[in-house]
Amino acid sequence: MQGSFRGWLFGITRNKVAAFLEQRRTRPTGSGDTDAHLRLHEHPGPASAAEDEWEREFERQLFRLAAARVQDAFAPTTWMAFWLTAVEGKSGASVAEQLGLSVGAVYVARSRVLARLAEQVRHIRAE
C-alpha cells in the first residue's frame, strides 16, 4: 500500500499538466507582456477619452453642488478640517495644528462631512 497515494497524485498531476500544455498548443494566447498591455491602455480611443472626461466633470459638478448644499450645516472649523484633509490632501496632524484641534477631532470632522456629502449626493442623484 505504501506509495499508492504518491502514485495517484503523480498521475493526477501528470494528466493536468498534459491537458494544460495541450490547451496552450491548440489555443494561442497573447505574449503576456505587461508593457504591451499598459501601452494599449495609455491611448484609449477618442470616444473613451471623451466619455471619461464627461464622467469626471459630472462628478466634479455633483460634488460642488452637494458641498454647496451642506457647507452651512457645519461649523467653519469642521468644514475646514474636512476641506484641508479630504480635498487638499493635507495630513491630519498638520491640519490639527493649523486649526488648533486634536488629530482625532480633525478625522471626526472629516468623517461627518463626508457622510453628509454622500447622503446629499444620493439625494441629488435621486432627483
Protein backbone atom coordinates (compact mmCIF):
# COMPACT_ATOMS: atom_id res chain seq x y z
CA MET A 1 0.00 0.00 0.00
CA GLN A 2 2.91 2.35 0.61
CA GLY A 3 3.40 4.81 -2.24
CA SER A 4 -0.10 4.40 -3.65
CA PHE A 5 -1.08 7.94 -2.67
CA ARG A 6 2.08 9.29 -4.31
CA GLY A 7 1.35 7.30 -7.44
CA TRP A 8 -2.19 8.57 -7.56
CA LEU A 9 -1.07 12.18 -7.01
CA PHE A 10 1.62 11.84 -9.67
CA GLY A 11 -0.92 10.52 -12.17
CA ILE A 12 -3.37 13.35 -11.49
CA THR A 13 -0.63 15.98 -11.75
CA ARG A 14 0.77 14.48 -14.96
CA ASN A 15 -2.69 14.48 -16.57
CA LYS A 16 -3.40 18.09 -15.53
CA VAL A 17 -0.06 19.32 -16.86
CA ALA A 18 -0.56 17.43 -20.14
CA ALA A 19 -4.03 18.91 -20.55
CA PHE A 20 -2.71 22.40 -19.82
CA LEU A 21 0.11 22.08 -22.35
CA GLU A 22 -2.23 20.68 -24.99
CA GLN A 23 -4.63 23.57 -24.44
CA ARG A 24 -1.81 26.12 -24.83
CA ARG A 25 -0.65 24.43 -28.01
CA THR A 26 -4.08 24.41 -29.65
CA ARG A 27 -5.22 27.83 -28.45
CA PRO A 28 -2.56 30.54 -28.84
CA THR A 29 -2.50 33.27 -26.25
CA GLY A 30 -1.07 36.76 -26.12
CA SER A 31 2.53 37.39 -25.24
CA GLY A 32 1.63 38.23 -21.66
CA ASP A 33 3.88 41.25 -21.93
CA THR A 34 2.73 43.69 -19.24
CA ASP A 35 4.34 46.61 -21.06
CA ALA A 36 2.32 45.90 -24.17
CA HIS A 37 -0.86 45.78 -22.11
CA LEU A 38 -0.02 49.10 -20.45
CA ARG A 39 0.78 50.73 -23.79
CA LEU A 40 -2.63 49.71 -25.11
CA HIS A 41 -4.36 51.35 -22.17
CA GLU A 42 -2.28 54.54 -22.39
CA HIS A 43 -4.04 55.52 -25.60
CA PRO A 44 -7.76 54.89 -25.29
CA GLY A 45 -9.93 55.62 -28.27
CA PRO A 46 -11.29 59.14 -28.72
CA ALA A 47 -14.80 58.15 -27.64
CA SER A 48 -13.48 56.57 -24.47
CA ALA A 49 -11.42 59.65 -23.56
CA ALA A 50 -14.38 61.95 -24.17
CA GLU A 51 -16.66 59.75 -22.07
CA ASP A 52 -14.10 59.62 -19.26
CA GLU A 53 -13.74 63.40 -19.26
CA TRP A 54 -17.51 63.82 -19.33
CA GLU A 55 -17.87 61.49 -16.33
CA ARG A 56 -15.12 63.28 -14.37
CA GLU A 57 -16.73 66.66 -14.99
CA PHE A 58 -20.13 65.31 -13.97
CA GLU A 59 -18.64 64.00 -10.71
CA ARG A 60 -16.95 67.38 -10.06
CA GLN A 61 -20.20 69.25 -10.57
CA LEU A 62 -22.06 66.78 -8.39
CA PHE A 63 -19.51 67.30 -5.62
CA ARG A 64 -19.70 71.10 -5.95
CA LEU A 65 -23.49 71.07 -5.73
CA ALA A 66 -23.54 68.73 -2.74
CA ALA A 67 -20.81 70.73 -0.98
CA ALA A 68 -22.68 73.99 -1.50
CA ARG A 69 -25.83 72.45 -0.03
CA VAL A 70 -24.22 71.03 3.12
CA GLN A 71 -21.44 73.50 3.96
CA ASP A 72 -23.67 75.81 6.04
CA ALA A 73 -24.73 72.88 8.23
CA PHE A 74 -21.21 72.70 9.71
CA ALA A 75 -19.12 75.00 11.84
CA PRO A 76 -16.38 76.73 9.83
CA THR A 77 -13.65 74.81 11.70
CA THR A 78 -15.34 71.49 10.93
CA TRP A 79 -15.67 72.38 7.26
CA MET A 80 -12.03 73.50 7.06
CA ALA A 81 -10.85 70.29 8.73
CA PHE A 82 -12.73 68.34 6.06
CA TRP A 83 -11.62 70.54 3.18
CA LEU A 84 -7.95 70.61 4.08
CA THR A 85 -7.68 66.83 4.59
CA ALA A 86 -10.09 65.43 2.01
CA VAL A 87 -9.82 67.95 -0.81
CA GLU A 88 -6.37 69.48 -0.43
CA GLY A 89 -4.80 66.25 0.84
CA LYS A 90 -3.04 67.70 3.88
CA SER A 91 -2.18 65.44 6.78
CA GLY A 92 -4.42 65.25 9.82
CA ALA A 93 -1.57 66.35 12.07
CA SER A 94 -0.81 69.50 10.07
CA VAL A 95 -4.49 70.43 9.86
CA ALA A 96 -4.93 69.81 13.60
CA GLU A 97 -2.03 72.14 14.33
CA GLN A 98 -3.30 74.77 11.89
CA LEU A 99 -6.86 74.74 13.29
CA GLY A 100 -5.99 74.19 16.94
CA LEU A 101 -7.78 70.82 17.11
CA SER A 102 -6.69 67.35 18.09
CA VAL A 103 -5.88 64.94 15.27
CA GLY A 104 -8.85 62.82 16.32
CA ALA A 105 -11.18 65.83 16.08
CA VAL A 106 -9.93 66.51 12.56
CA TYR A 107 -10.75 62.98 11.45
CA VAL A 108 -14.13 63.01 13.17
CA ALA A 109 -14.97 66.28 11.39
CA ARG A 110 -13.85 64.85 8.06
CA SER A 111 -15.91 61.72 8.60
CA ARG A 112 -19.06 63.66 9.48
CA VAL A 113 -18.80 65.94 6.48
CA LEU A 114 -18.08 63.03 4.14
CA ALA A 115 -21.11 61.16 5.43
CA ARG A 116 -23.34 64.18 4.90
CA LEU A 117 -21.90 64.73 1.41
CA ALA A 118 -22.52 61.11 0.46
CA GLU A 119 -26.10 61.42 1.68
CA GLN A 120 -26.55 64.63 -0.32
CA VAL A 121 -25.08 63.07 -3.46
CA ARG A 122 -27.54 60.16 -3.17
CA HIS A 123 -30.35 62.67 -2.79
CA ILE A 124 -29.24 64.69 -5.82
CA ARG A 125 -28.96 61.56 -7.97
CA ALA A 126 -32.48 60.57 -6.94
CA GLU A 127 -33.92 63.95 -8.03
